[in-house]
Amino acid sequence: MRRVAAALVHYPVLDRQGAVVTTAITNLDLHDIARSVHTYGLEALYVVHPVAAQRELASKVKEHWTAGSGARRIPDRTPALSGLEIVETLDAAIAALGPGTEVWTTSANPRGASLTHAQGRERLASEGSPVLIVFGTGWGLAEAVTLRAQAHLEPILSQRPDGYNHLSVRAAAAILFDRLLGVR
């Protein structure tokens, strides 16, 4: 089995109009995705943000739940939030995971998908380089990120007749982790 981690990228990502922007860190994303990462056995959740004040905010959230009053009140959160790593760039997350790390991107858009969930599951079950599964905030990852990927995972598709497909990144991450790493 390969080593696997996830990255939640706040820059470079897109806004509604397709412009490259930086999004704000949300407390709920940190909690929910970290808990999913821990549940499915990923090594870490790298939170990627270029703004020092935002990284400091994420660090304070982590500290509260791993060593502060949150850890004493609800100790079940400590293991999950301990896997939270706050970094300035995607390159820092890749370097932390190690040499040869493969970048797999995610998107709600089916264009450019090169790897089905079943194929991803097979690859993760085999020996190989570490894998960093990269999620974008806002309206998705900027091309600067997707062009670096060795694989683009297929989207989680809607069963609705109108095709509505706008999951939160928290929900999409949990579903994707289950499809790739869940017990069968």
N, C-alpha and C. Protein backbone atom coordinates (compact mmCIF):
# COMPACT_ATOMS: atom_id res chain seq x y z
N MET A 1 0.84 -1.20 0.00
CA MET A 1 0.00 0.00 0.00
C MET A 1 0.88 1.24 0.00
N ARG A 2 0.50 2.18 -0.81
CA ARG A 2 1.26 3.43 -0.90
C ARG A 2 0.97 4.34 0.29
N ARG A 3 1.90 5.23 0.55
CA ARG A 3 1.66 6.30 1.50
C ARG A 3 0.77 7.33 0.80
N VAL A 4 -0.25 7.82 1.51
CA VAL A 4 -1.21 8.75 0.91
C VAL A 4 -1.45 9.89 1.89
N ALA A 5 -1.52 11.09 1.35
CA ALA A 5 -1.90 12.28 2.12
C ALA A 5 -2.81 13.12 1.23
N ALA A 6 -3.42 14.14 1.83
CA ALA A 6 -4.28 15.05 1.09
C ALA A 6 -3.78 16.48 1.28
N ALA A 7 -4.11 17.32 0.31
CA ALA A 7 -3.79 18.74 0.42
C ALA A 7 -5.06 19.54 0.10
N LEU A 8 -5.31 20.53 0.91
CA LEU A 8 -6.42 21.46 0.69
C LEU A 8 -5.79 22.79 0.28
N VAL A 9 -5.92 23.14 -0.99
CA VAL A 9 -5.24 24.29 -1.57
C VAL A 9 -6.16 25.52 -1.57
N HIS A 10 -5.62 26.62 -1.04
CA HIS A 10 -6.33 27.89 -1.02
C HIS A 10 -5.76 28.89 -2.03
N TYR A 11 -4.64 28.54 -2.62
CA TYR A 11 -4.04 29.32 -3.70
C TYR A 11 -3.04 28.44 -4.43
N PRO A 12 -3.05 28.42 -5.75
CA PRO A 12 -3.92 29.15 -6.66
C PRO A 12 -5.20 28.36 -6.96
N VAL A 13 -6.32 29.02 -6.75
CA VAL A 13 -7.64 28.45 -7.05
C VAL A 13 -8.43 29.48 -7.85
N LEU A 14 -9.60 29.06 -8.32
CA LEU A 14 -10.41 29.92 -9.18
C LEU A 14 -11.61 30.50 -8.44
N ASP A 15 -12.04 31.67 -8.91
CA ASP A 15 -13.31 32.21 -8.43
C ASP A 15 -14.39 31.88 -9.47
N ARG A 16 -15.61 32.35 -9.24
CA ARG A 16 -16.74 32.04 -10.14
C ARG A 16 -16.48 32.43 -11.60
N GLN A 17 -15.73 33.48 -11.80
CA GLN A 17 -15.47 33.96 -13.15
C GLN A 17 -14.24 33.31 -13.79
N GLY A 18 -13.55 32.45 -13.02
CA GLY A 18 -12.37 31.78 -13.55
C GLY A 18 -11.06 32.49 -13.30
N ALA A 19 -11.10 33.57 -12.51
CA ALA A 19 -9.87 34.29 -12.16
C ALA A 19 -9.14 33.54 -11.05
N VAL A 20 -7.81 33.61 -11.06
CA VAL A 20 -7.01 32.98 -10.02
C VAL A 20 -7.04 33.87 -8.78
N VAL A 21 -7.41 33.24 -7.65
CA VAL A 21 -7.57 33.98 -6.39
C VAL A 21 -7.00 33.16 -5.23
N THR A 22 -7.02 33.77 -4.06
CA THR A 22 -6.70 33.11 -2.80
C THR A 22 -7.97 33.10 -1.97
N THR A 23 -8.33 31.94 -1.40
CA THR A 23 -9.53 31.84 -0.57
C THR A 23 -9.12 31.80 0.91
N ALA A 24 -10.08 32.04 1.77
CA ALA A 24 -9.84 32.02 3.21
C ALA A 24 -9.98 30.61 3.77
N ILE A 25 -9.22 30.32 4.79
CA ILE A 25 -9.32 29.06 5.52
C ILE A 25 -10.61 29.08 6.33
N THR A 26 -11.31 27.95 6.34
CA THR A 26 -12.50 27.84 7.18
C THR A 26 -12.29 26.76 8.23
N ASN A 27 -12.69 27.06 9.44
CA ASN A 27 -12.56 26.15 10.57
C ASN A 27 -13.23 24.80 10.27
N LEU A 28 -14.41 24.85 9.69
CA LEU A 28 -15.17 23.63 9.41
C LEU A 28 -14.42 22.70 8.46
N ASP A 29 -13.78 23.27 7.41
CA ASP A 29 -12.98 22.44 6.50
C ASP A 29 -11.85 21.74 7.25
N LEU A 30 -11.16 22.46 8.11
CA LEU A 30 -10.04 21.87 8.85
C LEU A 30 -10.52 20.69 9.68
N HIS A 31 -11.58 20.88 10.45
CA HIS A 31 -12.11 19.82 11.31
C HIS A 31 -12.59 18.62 10.50
N ASP A 32 -13.48 18.87 9.56
CA ASP A 32 -14.13 17.76 8.86
C ASP A 32 -13.17 16.98 7.97
N ILE A 33 -12.32 17.67 7.22
CA ILE A 33 -11.41 16.94 6.34
C ILE A 33 -10.35 16.24 7.16
N ALA A 34 -9.86 16.85 8.23
CA ALA A 34 -8.86 16.18 9.09
C ALA A 34 -9.45 14.91 9.69
N ARG A 35 -10.70 14.95 10.09
CA ARG A 35 -11.33 13.75 10.65
C ARG A 35 -11.50 12.67 9.59
N SER A 36 -11.84 13.05 8.37
CA SER A 36 -11.92 12.07 7.28
C SER A 36 -10.54 11.50 6.95
N VAL A 37 -9.54 12.35 6.90
CA VAL A 37 -8.16 11.91 6.63
C VAL A 37 -7.75 10.87 7.67
N HIS A 38 -8.02 11.14 8.93
CA HIS A 38 -7.64 10.22 10.00
C HIS A 38 -8.44 8.92 9.91
N THR A 39 -9.73 9.02 9.66
CA THR A 39 -10.60 7.84 9.56
C THR A 39 -10.12 6.89 8.47
N TYR A 40 -9.72 7.43 7.32
CA TYR A 40 -9.34 6.60 6.19
C TYR A 40 -7.84 6.29 6.13
N GLY A 41 -7.10 6.70 7.15
CA GLY A 41 -5.71 6.28 7.27
C GLY A 41 -4.70 7.05 6.43
N LEU A 42 -5.07 8.24 5.95
CA LEU A 42 -4.08 9.05 5.25
C LEU A 42 -3.07 9.58 6.25
N GLU A 43 -1.88 9.90 5.79
CA GLU A 43 -0.82 10.36 6.70
C GLU A 43 -1.05 11.76 7.24
N ALA A 44 -1.58 12.65 6.42
CA ALA A 44 -1.71 14.05 6.84
C ALA A 44 -2.69 14.77 5.94
N LEU A 45 -3.16 15.90 6.44
CA LEU A 45 -3.88 16.87 5.64
C LEU A 45 -3.02 18.13 5.61
N TYR A 46 -2.49 18.45 4.45
CA TYR A 46 -1.70 19.67 4.26
C TYR A 46 -2.65 20.79 3.87
N VAL A 47 -2.66 21.84 4.65
CA VAL A 47 -3.46 23.02 4.36
C VAL A 47 -2.50 24.03 3.74
N VAL A 48 -2.74 24.35 2.47
CA VAL A 48 -1.83 25.19 1.69
C VAL A 48 -2.38 26.60 1.61
N HIS A 49 -1.64 27.55 2.18
CA HIS A 49 -2.07 28.95 2.13
C HIS A 49 -0.86 29.87 2.12
N PRO A 50 -0.82 30.85 1.19
CA PRO A 50 0.34 31.73 1.09
C PRO A 50 0.37 32.86 2.12
N VAL A 51 -0.74 33.12 2.79
CA VAL A 51 -0.83 34.27 3.70
C VAL A 51 -0.51 33.82 5.13
N ALA A 52 0.49 34.46 5.71
CA ALA A 52 0.96 34.07 7.05
C ALA A 52 -0.15 34.14 8.10
N ALA A 53 -0.99 35.16 8.05
CA ALA A 53 -2.06 35.29 9.05
C ALA A 53 -3.05 34.13 8.96
N GLN A 54 -3.32 33.64 7.75
CA GLN A 54 -4.22 32.50 7.59
C GLN A 54 -3.56 31.22 8.10
N ARG A 55 -2.27 31.05 7.85
CA ARG A 55 -1.56 29.88 8.37
C ARG A 55 -1.54 29.92 9.90
N GLU A 56 -1.38 31.10 10.46
CA GLU A 56 -1.39 31.25 11.92
C GLU A 56 -2.77 30.87 12.48
N LEU A 57 -3.82 31.28 11.82
CA LEU A 57 -5.17 30.91 12.24
C LEU A 57 -5.31 29.38 12.26
N ALA A 58 -4.90 28.71 11.19
CA ALA A 58 -4.98 27.25 11.13
C ALA A 58 -4.13 26.61 12.23
N SER A 59 -2.97 27.17 12.49
CA SER A 59 -2.11 26.65 13.56
C SER A 59 -2.77 26.78 14.93
N LYS A 60 -3.47 27.89 15.16
CA LYS A 60 -4.18 28.07 16.43
C LYS A 60 -5.31 27.07 16.58
N VAL A 61 -6.02 26.79 15.49
CA VAL A 61 -7.09 25.78 15.53
C VAL A 61 -6.48 24.43 15.89
N LYS A 62 -5.39 24.08 15.23
CA LYS A 62 -4.72 22.80 15.51
C LYS A 62 -4.28 22.74 16.97
N GLU A 63 -3.65 23.78 17.43
CA GLU A 63 -3.14 23.80 18.81
C GLU A 63 -4.27 23.68 19.83
N HIS A 64 -5.38 24.34 19.58
CA HIS A 64 -6.53 24.29 20.48
C HIS A 64 -7.01 22.85 20.66
N TRP A 65 -7.05 22.08 19.54
CA TRP A 65 -7.59 20.73 19.58
C TRP A 65 -6.55 19.66 19.88
N THR A 66 -5.28 20.02 19.88
CA THR A 66 -4.24 19.01 20.17
C THR A 66 -3.56 19.23 21.52
N ALA A 67 -3.56 20.47 22.01
CA ALA A 67 -2.90 20.74 23.29
C ALA A 67 -3.68 21.70 24.18
N GLY A 68 -4.67 22.36 23.64
CA GLY A 68 -5.41 23.36 24.40
C GLY A 68 -6.65 22.81 25.06
N SER A 69 -7.57 23.73 25.39
CA SER A 69 -8.77 23.33 26.11
C SER A 69 -9.66 22.40 25.28
N GLY A 70 -9.64 22.54 23.97
CA GLY A 70 -10.42 21.64 23.11
C GLY A 70 -9.97 20.20 23.26
N ALA A 71 -8.67 19.99 23.38
CA ALA A 71 -8.13 18.64 23.55
C ALA A 71 -8.57 18.04 24.89
N ARG A 72 -8.71 18.87 25.89
CA ARG A 72 -9.15 18.37 27.21
C ARG A 72 -10.65 18.10 27.22
N ARG A 73 -11.43 18.93 26.54
CA ARG A 73 -12.88 18.77 26.54
C ARG A 73 -13.35 17.66 25.60
N ILE A 74 -12.76 17.57 24.43
CA ILE A 74 -13.18 16.57 23.43
C ILE A 74 -11.91 15.88 22.90
N PRO A 75 -11.35 14.96 23.67
CA PRO A 75 -10.08 14.34 23.29
C PRO A 75 -10.14 13.51 22.01
N ASP A 76 -11.34 13.13 21.57
CA ASP A 76 -11.46 12.37 20.32
C ASP A 76 -11.00 13.16 19.09
N ARG A 77 -10.98 14.48 19.20
CA ARG A 77 -10.54 15.30 18.05
C ARG A 77 -9.02 15.38 17.95
N THR A 78 -8.32 15.12 19.04
CA THR A 78 -6.88 15.29 19.06
C THR A 78 -6.15 14.46 18.01
N PRO A 79 -6.42 13.15 17.87
CA PRO A 79 -5.68 12.39 16.86
C PRO A 79 -5.89 12.91 15.44
N ALA A 80 -7.11 13.29 15.12
CA ALA A 80 -7.39 13.76 13.76
C ALA A 80 -6.72 15.10 13.49
N LEU A 81 -6.82 16.03 14.42
CA LEU A 81 -6.23 17.35 14.21
C LEU A 81 -4.71 17.33 14.33
N SER A 82 -4.16 16.29 14.94
CA SER A 82 -2.70 16.14 15.00
C SER A 82 -2.11 15.93 13.62
N GLY A 83 -2.89 15.41 12.69
CA GLY A 83 -2.42 15.18 11.33
C GLY A 83 -2.51 16.38 10.42
N LEU A 84 -2.91 17.51 10.96
CA LEU A 84 -3.03 18.74 10.19
C LEU A 84 -1.66 19.39 10.06
N GLU A 85 -1.23 19.63 8.84
CA GLU A 85 0.05 20.29 8.57
C GLU A 85 -0.23 21.55 7.77
N ILE A 86 0.27 22.67 8.24
CA ILE A 86 -0.01 23.95 7.59
C ILE A 86 1.25 24.39 6.85
N VAL A 87 1.11 24.59 5.53
CA VAL A 87 2.26 24.94 4.70
C VAL A 87 1.94 26.12 3.80
N GLU A 88 2.98 26.78 3.33
CA GLU A 88 2.81 27.98 2.50
C GLU A 88 2.50 27.65 1.04
N THR A 89 3.07 26.54 0.54
CA THR A 89 2.93 26.23 -0.88
C THR A 89 2.65 24.74 -1.09
N LEU A 90 2.14 24.42 -2.25
CA LEU A 90 1.95 23.03 -2.62
C LEU A 90 3.30 22.32 -2.69
N ASP A 91 4.33 23.01 -3.15
CA ASP A 91 5.67 22.41 -3.19
C ASP A 91 6.11 21.96 -1.80
N ALA A 92 5.78 22.71 -0.77
CA ALA A 92 6.15 22.34 0.59
C ALA A 92 5.44 21.06 1.01
N ALA A 93 4.19 20.91 0.62
CA ALA A 93 3.45 19.69 0.94
C ALA A 93 4.05 18.49 0.21
N ILE A 94 4.37 18.66 -1.06
CA ILE A 94 4.98 17.59 -1.84
C ILE A 94 6.32 17.19 -1.23
N ALA A 95 7.13 18.17 -0.88
CA ALA A 95 8.44 17.89 -0.29
C ALA A 95 8.29 17.16 1.05
N ALA A 96 7.31 17.54 1.84
CA ALA A 96 7.10 16.90 3.14
C ALA A 96 6.71 15.44 2.99
N LEU A 97 5.95 15.12 1.96
CA LEU A 97 5.53 13.73 1.74
C LEU A 97 6.69 12.89 1.22
N GLY A 98 7.61 13.51 0.51
CA GLY A 98 8.83 12.80 0.13
C GLY A 98 9.11 12.75 -1.35
N PRO A 99 10.32 12.30 -1.68
CA PRO A 99 10.75 12.23 -3.07
C PRO A 99 9.83 11.34 -3.92
N GLY A 100 9.59 11.77 -5.14
CA GLY A 100 8.80 10.98 -6.07
C GLY A 100 7.30 11.06 -5.85
N THR A 101 6.87 11.94 -4.96
CA THR A 101 5.43 12.06 -4.67
C THR A 101 4.65 12.34 -5.94
N GLU A 102 3.59 11.55 -6.15
CA GLU A 102 2.68 11.78 -7.27
C GLU A 102 1.57 12.71 -6.81
N VAL A 103 1.22 13.66 -7.66
CA VAL A 103 0.12 14.58 -7.39
C VAL A 103 -1.09 14.10 -8.18
N TRP A 104 -2.19 13.86 -7.45
CA TRP A 104 -3.47 13.50 -8.06
C TRP A 104 -4.44 14.63 -7.75
N THR A 105 -5.01 15.24 -8.78
CA THR A 105 -5.95 16.33 -8.56
C THR A 105 -7.38 15.84 -8.63
N THR A 106 -8.26 16.65 -8.07
CA THR A 106 -9.69 16.37 -8.05
C THR A 106 -10.42 17.54 -8.67
N SER A 107 -11.64 17.28 -9.14
CA SER A 107 -12.45 18.33 -9.73
C SER A 107 -13.89 17.85 -9.84
N ALA A 108 -14.83 18.78 -9.81
CA ALA A 108 -16.23 18.44 -10.07
C ALA A 108 -16.49 18.42 -11.57
N ASN A 109 -15.51 18.84 -12.34
CA ASN A 109 -15.64 18.91 -13.80
C ASN A 109 -15.06 17.64 -14.43
N PRO A 110 -15.84 16.91 -15.24
CA PRO A 110 -15.36 15.66 -15.81
C PRO A 110 -14.30 15.81 -16.90
N ARG A 111 -14.11 17.02 -17.42
CA ARG A 111 -13.10 17.19 -18.46
C ARG A 111 -11.71 16.94 -17.90
N GLY A 112 -10.94 16.15 -18.62
CA GLY A 112 -9.55 15.92 -18.24
C GLY A 112 -9.33 14.79 -17.27
N ALA A 113 -10.39 14.11 -16.84
CA ALA A 113 -10.21 12.99 -15.90
C ALA A 113 -9.41 11.89 -16.58
N SER A 114 -8.43 11.36 -15.85
CA SER A 114 -7.60 10.30 -16.41
C SER A 114 -7.59 9.04 -15.56
N LEU A 115 -8.22 9.11 -14.40
CA LEU A 115 -8.16 7.99 -13.47
C LEU A 115 -9.52 7.81 -12.80
N THR A 116 -10.11 6.64 -12.97
CA THR A 116 -11.37 6.35 -12.30
C THR A 116 -11.08 6.07 -10.83
N HIS A 117 -12.12 6.07 -10.03
CA HIS A 117 -11.93 5.75 -8.62
C HIS A 117 -11.44 4.32 -8.46
N ALA A 118 -11.96 3.39 -9.27
CA ALA A 118 -11.53 2.00 -9.20
C ALA A 118 -10.05 1.86 -9.56
N GLN A 119 -9.62 2.58 -10.59
CA GLN A 119 -8.20 2.54 -10.97
C GLN A 119 -7.33 3.15 -9.88
N GLY A 120 -7.79 4.26 -9.30
CA GLY A 120 -7.06 4.89 -8.21
C GLY A 120 -6.93 3.95 -7.03
N ARG A 121 -8.00 3.26 -6.71
CA ARG A 121 -7.99 2.29 -5.60
C ARG A 121 -6.94 1.21 -5.85
N GLU A 122 -6.90 0.69 -7.08
CA GLU A 122 -5.91 -0.34 -7.44
C GLU A 122 -4.50 0.19 -7.30
N ARG A 123 -4.26 1.39 -7.82
CA ARG A 123 -2.92 1.97 -7.74
C ARG A 123 -2.48 2.20 -6.29
N LEU A 124 -3.40 2.66 -5.46
CA LEU A 124 -3.05 2.92 -4.06
C LEU A 124 -2.77 1.62 -3.30
N ALA A 125 -3.38 0.54 -3.72
CA ALA A 125 -3.18 -0.76 -3.07
C ALA A 125 -1.85 -1.39 -3.46
N SER A 126 -1.22 -0.90 -4.51
CA SER A 126 0.04 -1.47 -4.98
C SER A 126 1.22 -0.69 -4.39
N GLU A 127 2.40 -1.23 -4.59
CA GLU A 127 3.62 -0.52 -4.17
C GLU A 127 3.87 0.64 -5.11
N GLY A 128 4.50 1.68 -4.61
CA GLY A 128 4.82 2.81 -5.47
C GLY A 128 5.11 4.06 -4.67
N SER A 129 5.24 5.13 -5.39
CA SER A 129 5.55 6.44 -4.80
C SER A 129 4.40 6.91 -3.92
N PRO A 130 4.71 7.80 -2.98
CA PRO A 130 3.63 8.41 -2.20
C PRO A 130 2.68 9.19 -3.11
N VAL A 131 1.44 9.35 -2.68
CA VAL A 131 0.43 10.07 -3.46
C VAL A 131 -0.14 11.20 -2.61
N LEU A 132 -0.21 12.38 -3.20
CA LEU A 132 -0.84 13.54 -2.58
C LEU A 132 -2.11 13.85 -3.37
N ILE A 133 -3.26 13.66 -2.73
CA ILE A 133 -4.54 13.94 -3.35
C ILE A 133 -4.88 15.40 -3.08
N VAL A 134 -5.02 16.18 -4.14
CA VAL A 134 -5.12 17.63 -4.01
C VAL A 134 -6.55 18.11 -4.30
N PHE A 135 -7.10 18.82 -3.32
CA PHE A 135 -8.43 19.41 -3.41
C PHE A 135 -8.29 20.93 -3.49
N GLY A 136 -9.14 21.54 -4.30
CA GLY A 136 -9.15 23.00 -4.39
C GLY A 136 -10.33 23.58 -3.63
N THR A 137 -10.16 24.79 -3.18
CA THR A 137 -11.24 25.54 -2.56
C THR A 137 -11.80 26.49 -3.62
N GLY A 138 -12.70 27.37 -3.24
CA GLY A 138 -13.29 28.28 -4.21
C GLY A 138 -14.03 27.50 -5.28
N TRP A 139 -13.71 27.77 -6.53
CA TRP A 139 -14.36 27.10 -7.66
C TRP A 139 -13.40 26.13 -8.33
N GLY A 140 -12.41 25.67 -7.57
CA GLY A 140 -11.52 24.63 -8.08
C GLY A 140 -10.09 25.07 -8.26
N LEU A 141 -9.25 24.09 -8.55
CA LEU A 141 -7.83 24.32 -8.70
C LEU A 141 -7.51 25.09 -9.97
N ALA A 142 -6.54 25.98 -9.87
CA ALA A 142 -6.06 26.72 -11.05
C ALA A 142 -5.24 25.78 -11.92
N GLU A 143 -5.14 26.14 -13.18
CA GLU A 143 -4.39 25.33 -14.14
C GLU A 143 -2.94 25.12 -13.71
N ALA A 144 -2.36 26.08 -13.01
CA ALA A 144 -0.98 25.93 -12.54
C ALA A 144 -0.82 24.69 -11.67
N VAL A 145 -1.87 24.29 -10.98
CA VAL A 145 -1.84 23.08 -10.16
C VAL A 145 -2.16 21.85 -11.00
N THR A 146 -3.21 21.92 -11.79
CA THR A 146 -3.63 20.73 -12.54
C THR A 146 -2.58 20.29 -13.55
N LEU A 147 -1.83 21.22 -14.09
CA LEU A 147 -0.78 20.85 -15.04
C LEU A 147 0.36 20.07 -14.39
N ARG A 148 0.50 20.16 -13.10
CA ARG A 148 1.56 19.46 -12.37
C ARG A 148 1.18 18.03 -12.00
N ALA A 149 -0.08 17.69 -12.18
CA ALA A 149 -0.59 16.39 -11.70
C ALA A 149 -0.17 15.24 -12.61
N GLN A 150 0.10 14.10 -11.96
CA GLN A 150 0.34 12.87 -12.70
C GLN A 150 -0.98 12.17 -13.01
N ALA A 151 -2.04 12.51 -12.29
CA ALA A 151 -3.35 11.92 -12.54
C ALA A 151 -4.43 12.92 -12.13
N HIS A 152 -5.56 12.83 -12.84
CA HIS A 152 -6.73 13.64 -12.53
C HIS A 152 -7.88 12.67 -12.24
N LEU A 153 -8.31 12.65 -11.00
CA LEU A 153 -9.37 11.72 -10.61
C LEU A 153 -10.72 12.14 -11.21
N GLU A 154 -11.51 11.13 -11.57
CA GLU A 154 -12.84 11.42 -12.09
C GLU A 154 -13.66 12.12 -11.01
N PRO A 155 -14.61 12.96 -11.42
CA PRO A 155 -15.43 13.66 -10.43
C PRO A 155 -16.46 12.73 -9.79
N ILE A 156 -17.00 13.20 -8.70
CA ILE A 156 -18.15 12.55 -8.07
C ILE A 156 -19.36 13.12 -8.78
N LEU A 157 -20.06 12.27 -9.51
CA LEU A 157 -21.15 12.75 -10.36
C LEU A 157 -22.49 12.69 -9.66
N SER A 158 -23.35 13.61 -10.03
CA SER A 158 -24.71 13.69 -9.51
C SER A 158 -25.60 12.69 -10.23
N GLN A 159 -26.56 12.15 -9.50
CA GLN A 159 -27.57 11.29 -10.09
C GLN A 159 -28.83 12.07 -10.47
N ARG A 160 -28.82 13.35 -10.20
CA ARG A 160 -29.99 14.19 -10.48
C ARG A 160 -30.17 14.38 -11.98
N PRO A 161 -31.41 14.41 -12.44
CA PRO A 161 -31.66 14.65 -13.87
C PRO A 161 -31.11 15.99 -14.36
N ASP A 162 -31.08 16.99 -13.47
CA ASP A 162 -30.58 18.30 -13.88
C ASP A 162 -29.06 18.41 -13.78
N GLY A 163 -28.39 17.34 -13.28
CA GLY A 163 -26.94 17.31 -13.22
C GLY A 163 -26.32 18.13 -12.11
N TYR A 164 -27.13 18.66 -11.19
CA TYR A 164 -26.60 19.48 -10.09
C TYR A 164 -25.43 18.76 -9.43
N ASN A 165 -24.30 19.45 -9.32
CA ASN A 165 -23.09 18.83 -8.79
C ASN A 165 -22.25 19.90 -8.10
N HIS A 166 -22.61 20.21 -6.87
CA HIS A 166 -21.87 21.25 -6.16
C HIS A 166 -21.70 20.86 -4.69
N LEU A 167 -20.91 19.81 -4.47
CA LEU A 167 -20.62 19.36 -3.11
C LEU A 167 -19.65 20.30 -2.43
N SER A 168 -19.71 20.37 -1.12
CA SER A 168 -18.67 21.08 -0.39
C SER A 168 -17.38 20.27 -0.52
N VAL A 169 -16.26 20.93 -0.37
CA VAL A 169 -14.98 20.21 -0.44
C VAL A 169 -14.90 19.17 0.68
N ARG A 170 -15.53 19.45 1.81
CA ARG A 170 -15.54 18.49 2.93
C ARG A 170 -16.26 17.21 2.53
N ALA A 171 -17.42 17.35 1.92
CA ALA A 171 -18.20 16.18 1.50
C ALA A 171 -17.49 15.43 0.39
N ALA A 172 -16.96 16.16 -0.58
CA ALA A 172 -16.26 15.52 -1.70
C ALA A 172 -15.05 14.73 -1.21
N ALA A 173 -14.30 15.30 -0.28
CA ALA A 173 -13.13 14.60 0.25
C ALA A 173 -13.53 13.30 0.94
N ALA A 174 -14.56 13.35 1.77
CA ALA A 174 -14.99 12.14 2.48
C ALA A 174 -15.44 11.06 1.50
N ILE A 175 -16.22 11.43 0.50
CA ILE A 175 -16.70 10.46 -0.49
C ILE A 175 -15.51 9.88 -1.26
N LEU A 176 -14.60 10.73 -1.68
CA LEU A 176 -13.46 10.27 -2.45
C LEU A 176 -12.57 9.34 -1.62
N PHE A 177 -12.32 9.69 -0.36
CA PHE A 177 -11.50 8.82 0.49
C PHE A 177 -12.15 7.45 0.63
N ASP A 178 -13.47 7.43 0.77
CA ASP A 178 -14.16 6.15 0.90
C ASP A 178 -14.03 5.33 -0.38
N ARG A 179 -14.18 5.98 -1.52
CA ARG A 179 -14.06 5.25 -2.79
C ARG A 179 -12.65 4.73 -3.04
N LEU A 180 -11.66 5.48 -2.60
CA LEU A 180 -10.27 5.07 -2.84
C LEU A 180 -9.70 4.16 -1.75
N LEU A 181 -10.13 4.36 -0.51
CA LEU A 181 -9.47 3.70 0.62
C LEU A 181 -10.43 2.99 1.58
N GLY A 182 -11.72 3.10 1.34
CA GLY A 182 -12.70 2.53 2.26
C GLY A 182 -12.69 1.02 2.27
N VAL A 183 -13.18 0.45 3.35
CA VAL A 183 -13.29 -1.01 3.50
C VAL A 183 -14.35 -1.50 2.54
N ARG A 184 -14.03 -2.56 1.84
CA ARG A 184 -14.99 -3.15 0.89
C ARG A 184 -15.36 -4.53 1.34
